[in-house]
Protein backbone atom coordinates (compact mmCIF):
# COMPACT_ATOMS: atom_id res chain seq x y z
CA UNK A 1 -30.41 159.74 111.42
CA UNK A 2 -33.90 160.66 112.73
CA UNK A 3 -34.22 164.12 114.15
CA UNK A 4 -34.39 164.38 117.93
CA UNK A 5 -37.47 166.00 119.45
CA UNK A 6 -37.32 169.80 119.38
CA UNK A 7 -37.60 169.81 123.14
CA UNK A 8 -34.23 168.08 123.42
CA UNK A 9 -31.62 169.32 120.96
CA UNK A 10 -28.76 168.07 123.09
CA UNK A 11 -29.25 164.37 122.49
CA UNK A 12 -28.38 164.40 118.79
CA UNK A 13 -24.66 165.27 119.10
CA UNK A 14 -24.37 162.91 122.12
CA UNK A 15 -25.91 160.13 120.02
CA UNK A 16 -23.60 160.82 117.12
CA UNK A 17 -20.56 160.70 119.41
CA UNK A 18 -21.25 157.04 120.21
CA UNK A 19 -20.73 156.06 116.58
CA UNK A 20 -17.87 158.42 115.80
CA UNK A 21 -15.76 157.19 118.74
CA UNK A 22 -12.40 155.63 117.81
CA UNK A 23 -12.40 152.88 120.49
CA UNK A 24 -14.85 150.68 122.31
CA UNK A 25 -14.14 152.51 125.58
CA UNK A 26 -14.69 155.89 123.97
CA UNK A 27 -18.02 154.61 122.55
CA UNK A 28 -19.01 153.41 126.01
CA UNK A 29 -18.05 156.74 127.56
CA UNK A 30 -20.20 158.57 124.98
CA UNK A 31 -23.09 156.16 125.63
CA UNK A 32 -22.87 156.79 129.39
CA UNK A 33 -22.89 160.56 128.75
CA UNK A 34 -26.02 160.20 126.63
CA UNK A 35 -27.68 157.98 129.19
CA UNK A 36 -26.94 160.40 132.02
CA UNK A 37 -28.27 163.28 129.96
CA UNK A 38 -31.53 161.43 129.24
CA UNK A 39 -32.15 160.93 132.97
CA UNK A 40 -32.33 164.71 133.35
CA UNK A 41 -35.25 165.04 130.87
CA UNK A 42 -38.90 165.30 131.92
CA UNK A 43 -40.57 161.93 131.60
CA UNK A 44 -42.73 162.75 128.53
CA UNK A 45 -39.70 164.12 126.70
CA UNK A 46 -37.62 161.13 127.65
CA UNK A 47 -40.19 158.70 126.34
CA UNK A 48 -40.64 160.66 123.11
CA UNK A 49 -36.88 160.96 122.47
CA UNK A 50 -36.26 157.32 123.35
CA UNK A 51 -39.12 155.95 121.28
CA UNK A 52 -38.82 158.15 118.16
CA UNK A 53 -35.14 159.10 117.98
CA UNK A 54 -32.72 157.12 120.12
CA UNK A 55 -33.99 153.54 119.73
CA UNK A 56 -34.49 153.61 115.94
CA UNK A 57 -30.89 154.72 115.52
CA UNK A 58 -29.45 152.19 117.92
CA UNK A 59 -31.46 149.27 116.51
CA UNK A 60 -30.54 150.18 112.95
CA UNK A 61 -26.86 150.39 113.72
CA UNK A 62 -26.83 147.29 115.90
CA UNK A 63 -27.96 145.38 112.77
CA UNK A 64 -25.62 147.10 110.31
CA UNK A 65 -24.25 144.17 108.33
CA UNK A 66 -21.55 146.31 106.72
CA UNK A 67 -20.01 147.74 109.90
CA UNK A 68 -19.04 145.72 112.95
CA UNK A 69 -18.08 148.97 114.62
CA UNK A 70 -21.63 150.30 114.28
CA UNK A 71 -23.06 147.00 115.56
CA UNK A 72 -20.82 147.07 118.58
CA UNK A 73 -21.54 150.74 119.29
CA UNK A 74 -25.27 150.26 119.01
CA UNK A 75 -25.23 147.37 121.47
CA UNK A 76 -22.94 149.21 123.87
CA UNK A 77 -25.38 152.10 123.87
CA UNK A 78 -28.36 149.75 124.54
CA UNK A 79 -26.47 148.25 127.48
CA UNK A 80 -25.72 151.66 128.90
CA UNK A 81 -29.38 152.71 128.60
CA UNK A 82 -30.43 149.56 130.42
CA UNK A 83 -27.94 150.26 133.19
CA UNK A 84 -29.05 153.84 133.65
CA UNK A 85 -32.57 154.80 132.54
CA UNK A 86 -34.67 152.33 134.59
CA UNK A 87 -33.12 153.84 137.71
CA UNK A 88 -35.28 156.93 137.11
CA UNK A 89 -37.95 155.73 134.72
CA UNK A 90 -39.79 152.41 134.85
CA UNK A 91 -41.59 153.19 131.57
CA UNK A 92 -38.24 153.39 129.79
CA UNK A 93 -37.61 149.74 130.74
CA UNK A 94 -40.76 148.74 128.85
CA UNK A 95 -39.67 150.77 125.83
CA UNK A 96 -36.13 149.27 125.87
CA UNK A 97 -36.86 145.63 126.52
CA UNK A 98 -38.20 144.64 123.08
CA UNK A 99 -34.74 145.39 121.71
CA UNK A 100 -33.68 142.04 123.21
CA UNK A 101 -35.73 140.01 120.75
CA UNK A 102 -35.30 142.57 117.97
CA UNK A 103 -31.51 142.50 117.89
CA UNK A 104 -29.58 141.72 121.10
CA UNK A 105 -30.01 137.96 121.28
CA UNK A 106 -29.26 137.46 117.57
CA UNK A 107 -26.01 139.37 117.80
CA UNK A 108 -24.72 136.71 120.18
CA UNK A 109 -24.10 134.80 116.93
CA UNK A 110 -22.04 137.60 115.41
CA UNK A 111 -18.69 136.54 113.97
CA UNK A 112 -17.03 139.61 115.48
CA UNK A 113 -15.86 139.10 119.10
CA UNK A 114 -16.32 142.68 120.31
CA UNK A 115 -19.90 142.64 118.97
CA UNK A 116 -20.69 139.49 120.87
CA UNK A 117 -19.19 140.98 124.02
CA UNK A 118 -21.31 144.14 123.57
CA UNK A 119 -24.41 141.94 123.23
CA UNK A 120 -23.51 140.04 126.44
CA UNK A 121 -22.98 143.41 128.20
CA UNK A 122 -26.56 144.49 127.22
CA UNK A 123 -28.06 141.23 128.48
CA UNK A 124 -26.18 141.38 131.76
CA UNK A 125 -27.28 145.01 132.19
CA UNK A 126 -30.89 143.95 131.91
CA UNK A 127 -30.52 141.20 134.52
CA UNK A 128 -28.55 143.43 136.87
CA UNK A 129 -31.16 146.23 136.85
CA UNK A 130 -33.85 143.70 137.79
CA UNK A 131 -32.08 142.32 140.84
CA UNK A 132 -30.26 145.39 142.18
CA UNK A 133 -30.59 149.21 142.28
CA UNK A 134 -32.88 149.24 145.34
CA UNK A 135 -33.64 152.97 145.00
CA UNK A 136 -34.82 152.75 141.39
CA UNK A 137 -38.57 152.90 140.52
CA UNK A 138 -38.16 149.79 138.43
CA UNK A 139 -36.69 147.84 141.33
CA UNK A 140 -39.78 148.65 143.32
CA UNK A 141 -41.88 146.81 140.75
CA UNK A 142 -39.14 144.62 139.17
CA UNK A 143 -40.94 141.39 140.03
CA UNK A 144 -44.42 142.50 138.98
CA UNK A 145 -43.40 144.23 135.73
CA UNK A 146 -39.74 143.58 134.99
CA UNK A 147 -39.53 139.86 135.45
CA UNK A 148 -43.12 139.15 134.40
CA UNK A 149 -42.89 141.05 131.11
CA UNK A 150 -39.38 139.83 130.28
CA UNK A 151 -40.11 136.17 130.93
CA UNK A 152 -43.68 135.76 129.68
CA UNK A 153 -43.44 138.04 126.68
CA UNK A 154 -39.97 138.85 125.38
CA UNK A 155 -38.15 135.62 126.16
CA UNK A 156 -41.02 133.27 125.30
CA UNK A 157 -41.69 135.06 121.96
CA UNK A 158 -38.03 134.88 121.01
CA UNK A 159 -37.61 131.20 121.96
CA UNK A 160 -40.67 130.22 119.88
CA UNK A 161 -39.59 132.26 116.84
CA UNK A 162 -38.50 130.20 113.86
CA UNK A 163 -35.93 132.92 113.10
CA UNK A 164 -34.16 132.70 116.45
CA UNK A 165 -30.49 131.82 116.12
CA UNK A 166 -28.94 128.98 118.17
CA UNK A 167 -26.58 131.31 120.05
CA UNK A 168 -29.49 133.65 120.71
CA UNK A 169 -31.57 130.79 122.09
CA UNK A 170 -28.76 129.84 124.44
CA UNK A 171 -28.56 133.47 125.66
CA UNK A 172 -32.32 133.72 126.14
CA UNK A 173 -32.48 130.35 127.98
CA UNK A 174 -29.63 131.45 130.21
CA UNK A 175 -31.40 134.74 131.14
CA UNK A 176 -34.63 132.83 131.78
CA UNK A 177 -32.75 130.39 134.00
CA UNK A 178 -31.20 133.19 135.99
CA UNK A 179 -34.56 134.84 136.50
CA UNK A 180 -36.13 131.61 137.75
CA UNK A 181 -33.15 131.04 140.03
CA UNK A 182 -33.54 134.52 141.47
CA UNK A 183 -37.27 134.07 142.21
CA UNK A 184 -36.60 130.74 143.96
CA UNK A 185 -33.78 132.32 145.95
CA UNK A 186 -36.03 135.17 147.09
CA UNK A 187 -38.59 132.62 148.20
CA UNK A 188 -36.12 130.31 150.02
CA UNK A 189 -33.89 132.97 151.57
CA UNK A 190 -36.24 135.79 152.58
CA UNK A 191 -39.65 134.14 152.37
CA UNK A 192 -40.95 136.25 149.49
CA UNK A 193 -42.99 133.79 147.42
CA UNK A 194 -44.68 136.35 145.15
CA UNK A 195 -42.15 136.31 142.30
CA UNK A 196 -41.92 132.54 142.41
CA UNK A 197 -45.68 132.15 142.17
CA UNK A 198 -46.00 134.84 139.51
CA UNK A 199 -43.45 133.15 137.23
CA UNK A 200 -45.00 129.85 138.12
CA UNK A 201 -48.37 131.06 136.81
CA UNK A 202 -46.63 131.69 133.49
CA UNK A 203 -45.03 128.27 133.45
CA UNK A 204 -47.13 126.73 130.70
CA UNK A 205 -46.11 129.48 128.23
CA UNK A 206 -42.48 129.37 129.41
CA UNK A 207 -42.32 125.61 128.95
CA UNK A 208 -43.64 125.99 125.38
CA UNK A 209 -40.74 128.35 124.73
CA UNK A 210 -38.22 126.00 126.25
CA UNK A 211 -39.61 122.71 124.96
CA UNK A 212 -38.60 123.31 121.36
CA UNK A 213 -35.00 123.69 122.45
CA UNK A 214 -35.05 120.24 124.07
CA UNK A 215 -35.10 118.68 120.59
CA UNK A 216 -32.82 121.16 118.88
CA UNK A 217 -30.26 119.68 116.52
CA UNK A 218 -27.63 121.83 118.20
CA UNK A 219 -26.40 119.97 121.26
CA UNK A 220 -25.54 123.23 123.10
CA UNK A 221 -29.13 124.50 122.69
CA UNK A 222 -30.54 121.18 123.90
CA UNK A 223 -28.32 121.29 126.99
CA UNK A 224 -29.27 124.88 127.71
CA UNK A 225 -32.99 124.07 127.34
CA UNK A 226 -32.72 121.05 129.65
CA UNK A 227 -30.94 123.15 132.27
CA UNK A 228 -33.50 125.93 131.91
CA UNK A 229 -36.44 123.53 132.27
CA UNK A 230 -34.89 122.10 135.40
CA UNK A 231 -34.57 125.65 136.84
CA UNK A 232 -38.18 126.40 135.94
CA UNK A 233 -39.41 123.38 137.86
CA UNK A 234 -37.93 125.01 140.96
CA UNK A 235 -40.79 127.55 140.76
CA UNK A 236 -43.23 124.78 141.73
CA UNK A 237 -43.69 124.64 145.52
CA UNK A 238 -45.70 121.38 145.70
CA UNK A 239 -43.76 118.98 148.01
CA UNK A 240 -45.73 115.91 146.73
CA UNK A 241 -44.41 116.34 143.17
CA UNK A 242 -40.92 117.75 143.82
CA UNK A 243 -39.33 114.32 144.13
CA UNK A 244 -40.65 113.51 140.63
CA UNK A 245 -39.39 116.63 138.90
CA UNK A 246 -36.22 115.11 137.43
CA UNK A 247 -38.29 112.32 135.97
CA UNK A 248 -40.86 114.76 134.59
CA UNK A 249 -38.12 116.87 132.97
CA UNK A 250 -36.75 113.70 131.40
CA UNK A 251 -40.24 112.87 130.16
CA UNK A 252 -40.61 116.22 128.42
CA UNK A 253 -37.09 115.93 126.99
CA UNK A 254 -37.57 112.44 125.57
CA UNK A 255 -41.25 112.77 124.61
CA UNK A 256 -41.60 109.03 124.08
CA UNK A 257 -44.65 106.95 125.02
CA UNK A 258 -42.48 104.88 127.34
CA UNK A 259 -41.29 108.01 129.18
CA UNK A 260 -44.88 109.30 129.45
CA UNK A 261 -46.06 105.94 130.80
CA UNK A 262 -43.31 105.95 133.40
CA UNK A 263 -44.20 109.46 134.49
CA UNK A 264 -47.89 108.61 134.87
CA UNK A 265 -47.09 105.44 136.79
CA UNK A 266 -44.94 107.36 139.27
CA UNK A 267 -47.57 110.08 139.72
CA UNK A 268 -50.31 107.48 140.22
CA UNK A 269 -48.28 106.05 143.12
CA UNK A 270 -48.03 109.44 144.78
CA UNK A 271 -50.27 110.37 147.70
CA UNK A 272 -51.30 113.94 147.05
CA UNK A 273 -51.90 115.96 150.20
CA UNK A 274 -50.45 119.39 149.40
CA UNK A 275 -52.72 121.98 147.75
CA UNK A 276 -52.50 122.11 143.97
CA UNK A 277 -51.96 125.55 142.51
CA UNK A 278 -51.57 127.07 139.06
CA UNK A 279 -47.77 126.46 138.67
CA UNK A 280 -48.16 122.71 139.15
CA UNK A 281 -51.26 122.62 136.91
CA UNK A 282 -49.36 124.59 134.25
CA UNK A 283 -46.61 121.98 134.33
CA UNK A 284 -48.69 118.77 134.51
CA UNK A 285 -51.63 119.63 132.28
CA UNK A 286 -49.71 119.34 128.95
CA UNK A 287 -48.30 115.90 130.06
CA UNK A 288 -51.71 114.58 131.10
CA UNK A 289 -53.34 116.03 127.98
CA UNK A 290 -50.78 114.31 125.76
CA UNK A 291 -51.37 110.93 127.42
CA UNK A 292 -55.14 111.18 127.25
CA UNK A 293 -55.05 112.28 123.62
CA UNK A 294 -52.73 109.59 122.25
CA UNK A 295 -54.30 106.52 120.59
CA UNK A 296 -51.19 104.56 121.57
CA UNK A 297 -51.80 104.93 125.31
CA UNK A 298 -52.53 101.56 126.89
CA UNK A 299 -55.58 100.89 129.04
CA UNK A 300 -53.45 100.58 132.13
CA UNK A 301 -51.85 103.96 131.60
CA UNK A 302 -55.30 105.50 130.94
CA UNK A 303 -56.48 104.00 134.22
CA UNK A 304 -53.57 105.54 136.06
CA UNK A 305 -54.07 108.91 134.30
CA UNK A 306 -57.71 109.38 135.28
CA UNK A 307 -56.76 108.52 138.89
CA UNK A 308 -54.09 111.19 138.84
CA UNK A 309 -56.46 113.76 137.30
CA UNK A 310 -59.12 113.08 139.94
CA UNK A 311 -56.63 113.30 142.81
CA UNK A 312 -55.23 116.58 141.52
CA UNK A 313 -58.68 118.08 141.01
CA UNK A 314 -59.68 117.38 144.59
CA UNK A 315 -56.75 119.40 145.89
CA UNK A 316 -57.08 122.58 143.85
CA UNK A 317 -57.39 125.49 146.31
CA UNK A 318 -59.04 127.94 144.03
CA UNK A 319 -61.99 126.51 141.99
CA UNK A 320 -61.68 129.27 139.39
CA UNK A 321 -58.06 128.30 138.95
CA UNK A 322 -59.08 124.72 138.28
CA UNK A 323 -61.28 125.84 135.40
CA UNK A 324 -58.29 127.37 133.64
CA UNK A 325 -56.88 123.89 133.09
CA UNK A 326 -59.50 121.15 133.58
CA UNK A 327 -61.44 121.95 130.36
CA UNK A 328 -58.36 120.84 128.43
CA UNK A 329 -58.43 117.41 130.13
CA UNK A 330 -62.21 116.96 130.05
CA UNK A 331 -62.52 115.69 126.44
CA UNK A 332 -59.80 113.07 127.02
CA UNK A 333 -61.40 111.75 130.22
CA UNK A 334 -64.79 111.67 128.46
CA UNK A 335 -63.29 109.54 125.68
CA UNK A 336 -61.92 107.11 128.23
CA UNK A 337 -65.36 106.85 129.89
CA UNK A 338 -67.10 106.28 126.59
CA UNK A 339 -64.69 104.03 124.74
CA UNK A 340 -62.35 102.22 127.13
CA UNK A 341 -62.49 98.45 126.63
CA UNK A 342 -62.25 97.80 130.37
CA UNK A 343 -65.26 98.36 132.67
CA UNK A 344 -62.96 99.27 135.61
CA UNK A 345 -61.29 102.01 133.58
CA UNK A 346 -64.64 103.38 132.40
CA UNK A 347 -65.86 103.46 136.01
CA UNK A 348 -62.75 105.31 137.18
CA UNK A 349 -63.14 107.80 134.35
CA UNK A 350 -66.77 108.33 135.30
CA UNK A 351 -65.77 109.09 138.89
CA UNK A 352 -63.10 111.49 137.62
CA UNK A 353 -65.59 113.28 135.42
CA UNK A 354 -67.98 113.75 138.30
CA UNK A 355 -65.25 115.39 140.34
CA UNK A 356 -64.14 117.58 137.45
CA UNK A 357 -67.65 118.69 136.51
CA UNK A 358 -68.46 119.45 140.12
CA UNK A 359 -65.32 121.59 140.42
CA UNK A 360 -66.13 123.43 137.20
CA UNK A 361 -69.88 123.78 137.96
CA UNK A 362 -70.80 122.37 134.58
CA UNK A 363 -74.09 120.94 135.83
CA UNK A 364 -75.48 124.43 136.16
CA UNK A 365 -74.48 125.53 132.72
CA UNK A 366 -71.28 127.19 131.60
CA UNK A 367 -72.95 130.61 131.63
CA UNK A 368 -73.20 130.35 135.46
CA UNK A 369 -69.52 129.72 135.97
CA UNK A 370 -67.41 132.28 137.72
CA UNK A 371 -64.43 132.92 135.47
CA UNK A 372 -60.98 134.34 135.92
CA UNK A 373 -60.63 138.01 135.01
CA UNK A 374 -58.86 138.15 131.64
CA UNK A 375 -56.15 140.44 130.28
CA UNK A 376 -58.75 141.97 127.98
CA UNK A 377 -61.02 142.73 130.96
CA UNK A 378 -58.22 144.56 132.73
CA UNK A 379 -57.17 146.46 129.64
CA UNK A 380 -60.76 147.60 129.02
CA UNK A 381 -61.11 148.78 132.61
CA UNK A 382 -57.76 150.55 132.53
CA UNK A 383 -58.74 152.35 129.32
CA UNK A 384 -62.00 153.44 130.99
CA UNK A 385 -60.35 154.65 134.20
CA UNK A 386 -56.98 155.82 132.98
CA UNK A 387 -57.08 156.36 129.19
CA UNK A 388 -58.49 159.83 129.33
CA UNK A 389 -55.82 161.06 131.75
CA UNK A 390 -52.77 160.01 129.71
CA UNK A 391 -50.54 162.84 128.50
CA UNK A 392 -50.80 163.52 124.78
CA UNK A 393 -47.10 162.83 124.34
CA UNK A 394 -47.44 159.38 125.92
CA UNK A 395 -50.61 158.10 124.28
CA UNK A 396 -48.65 155.95 121.85
CA UNK A 397 -46.62 154.46 124.70
CA UNK A 398 -49.80 153.81 126.65
CA UNK A 399 -51.60 152.08 123.81
CA UNK A 400 -48.54 150.43 122.30
CA UNK A 401 -47.03 148.78 125.35
CA UNK A 402 -47.84 150.09 128.84
CA UNK A 403 -51.52 149.17 128.85
CA UNK A 404 -50.84 145.74 127.41
CA UNK A 405 -48.12 144.97 129.95
CA UNK A 406 -50.30 146.17 132.82
CA UNK A 407 -53.26 144.12 131.58
CA UNK A 408 -51.19 140.91 131.50
CA UNK A 409 -49.49 141.53 134.83
CA UNK A 410 -52.49 142.77 136.80
CA UNK A 411 -54.54 139.78 135.58
CA UNK A 412 -52.10 137.49 137.41
CA UNK A 413 -51.88 139.76 140.46
CA UNK A 414 -55.68 139.66 140.77
CA UNK A 415 -55.58 135.87 140.68
CA UNK A 416 -53.04 135.99 143.50
CA UNK A 417 -55.09 138.57 145.46
CA UNK A 418 -52.16 140.95 146.00
CA UNK A 419 -54.18 144.15 145.90
CA UNK A 420 -51.42 146.39 147.23
CA UNK A 421 -49.17 145.35 144.42
CA UNK A 422 -51.77 146.60 141.95
CA UNK A 423 -51.57 149.94 143.67
CA UNK A 424 -47.78 149.97 143.61
CA UNK A 425 -47.38 148.97 139.95
CA UNK A 426 -49.92 151.47 138.68
CA UNK A 427 -48.67 154.36 140.84
CA UNK A 428 -45.06 154.03 139.71
CA UNK A 429 -45.83 153.63 135.98
CA UNK A 430 -48.72 156.11 135.75
CA UNK A 431 -46.86 158.87 137.58
CA UNK A 432 -44.68 159.20 134.45
CA UNK A 433 -47.46 159.33 131.89
CA UNK A 434 -50.63 160.90 133.36
CA UNK A 435 -51.74 164.50 133.77
CA UNK A 436 -51.16 165.65 137.29
CA UNK A 437 -48.28 163.25 137.97
CA UNK A 438 -48.13 161.46 141.31
CA UNK A 439 -51.37 162.79 142.77
CA UNK A 440 -53.41 161.62 139.77
CA UNK A 441 -51.54 158.33 139.62
CA UNK A 442 -52.26 157.50 143.26
CA UNK A 443 -55.97 158.25 142.74
CA UNK A 444 -56.22 156.17 139.55
CA UNK A 445 -54.25 153.30 141.10
CA UNK A 446 -56.54 153.17 144.12
CA UNK A 447 -59.67 153.13 141.93
CA UNK A 448 -58.24 150.33 139.78
CA UNK A 449 -57.16 148.28 142.76
CA UNK A 450 -60.63 148.69 144.25
CA UNK A 451 -62.21 147.43 141.03
CA UNK A 452 -59.85 144.44 140.98
CA UNK A 453 -60.78 143.48 144.53
CA UNK A 454 -64.50 143.92 143.88
CA UNK A 455 -64.42 141.80 140.70
CA UNK A 456 -62.54 139.03 142.46
CA UNK A 457 -64.91 139.09 145.46
CA UNK A 458 -67.99 138.85 143.21
CA UNK A 459 -66.37 136.00 141.26
CA UNK A 460 -65.57 134.02 144.42
CA UNK A 461 -69.04 134.62 145.97
CA UNK A 462 -70.74 133.58 142.73
CA UNK A 463 -68.90 130.29 142.79
CA UNK A 464 -69.47 129.53 146.46
CA UNK A 465 -73.16 130.40 146.46
CA UNK A 466 -74.11 128.71 143.16
CA UNK A 467 -71.35 126.14 143.00
CA UNK A 468 -71.20 122.53 144.14
CA UNK A 469 -72.55 121.58 147.53
CA UNK A 470 -69.09 120.97 148.98
CA UNK A 471 -68.27 124.66 148.64
CA UNK A 472 -69.83 127.38 150.77
CA UNK A 473 -69.16 130.55 152.68
CA UNK A 474 -66.18 129.01 154.46
CA UNK A 475 -64.59 128.43 151.06
CA UNK A 476 -65.57 131.94 150.01
CA UNK A 477 -63.65 133.49 152.89
CA UNK A 478 -60.66 131.22 152.26
CA UNK A 479 -60.55 132.40 148.66
CA UNK A 480 -60.93 136.05 149.58
CA UNK A 481 -58.24 135.89 152.28
CA UNK A 482 -56.07 133.62 150.16
CA UNK A 483 -55.95 131.07 152.92
CA UNK A 484 -54.99 127.44 152.37
CA UNK A 485 -58.23 125.65 152.96
CA UNK A 486 -58.61 121.97 152.44
């Protein structure tokens, strides 16, 4: 068993007690005692002990093939940590969450009943901490960091892993479904659309994680994937497409040319009036790309497809957002214009290309295009502003996980123009790991938020000043203020 940091000699006997307990309840009691003790430690000590001493022991024992008792005890302890530590330390959540894909989901396939129950307990603890505990620091940023990191990183990576076990996939799909449900409920019941839109922006990656399960040879996995995909479509708030969602889910599930043709036909008969945003583009782009790229697609379906693409492009609110997805469709539409056997289809494709190129400002050269701030851009800026103020004990946590999670999350928050959320996320996380604590964190968060807003403003102004003639300063102010401008 690894030695516990010298600054915390108490954790070792408490950790040992979890595995020497005679009953499951006694192991849980010991795990709760350890968790409560860890909440009393200074943040740097907590992170060090958790990262270098506690987690290696728990993960090793949770995978002990020779001892079901050790597996159960390790999972019980992970569940207890999830129930307790994020209430006082948001960084601990980031350190704990990878254990889901490392061990927890796979142990849902364990032959031993108590081990499976312990795994379910750990998963439920994670979900509970994200939707409750209103006084915890994690709850204050649970949507921005908790849900975003868990759904877009941990769950997606596990679901796309060739080593994932069927029972683990079902557990991961269930957790993802619950998270999507919760974000939709927050939107419908209390009018908070942020989480719904944030998860919606990750929809393309989430669908890739779920799509493989649709064709799984295990019927239970396929059913769970279909249910999860249906829940994910609830993140899309476009009223024009909502009636078609069951059909689109069926299309992805069947994957046949007939199903794709039926989907395109239905969409081509739709009058699009609502603004088109990233969640809908994330969902439709793979379908449209598949149709345009297939040599088996008929001329009639190609005609309908280019009409759909043009109509969608005209209704994208944020031009920069359009350029995240349209480049993937551009080659297919160009092929239709160049090689379709029907003059009418070629003419429609040409019209579609003109609209797409205008929206993407291709006529002025790609170097002139305003582009979305990337995760790498954010990470580089964070390192410049924050890296030198990180406590020595937390540099590995900063470089290994915190900076990466912040880069990915803030990238999406910038696109949504939620500057105060940048401040909130950074203040809560940085308070635990920077020199000077809260005072330094507030200052660094304000500087980073200011940079985010400035970068977005320059990007929007560049587009509206140098972009197509149908965009101007009115569009610029709409983008800056995040208004719905038609």
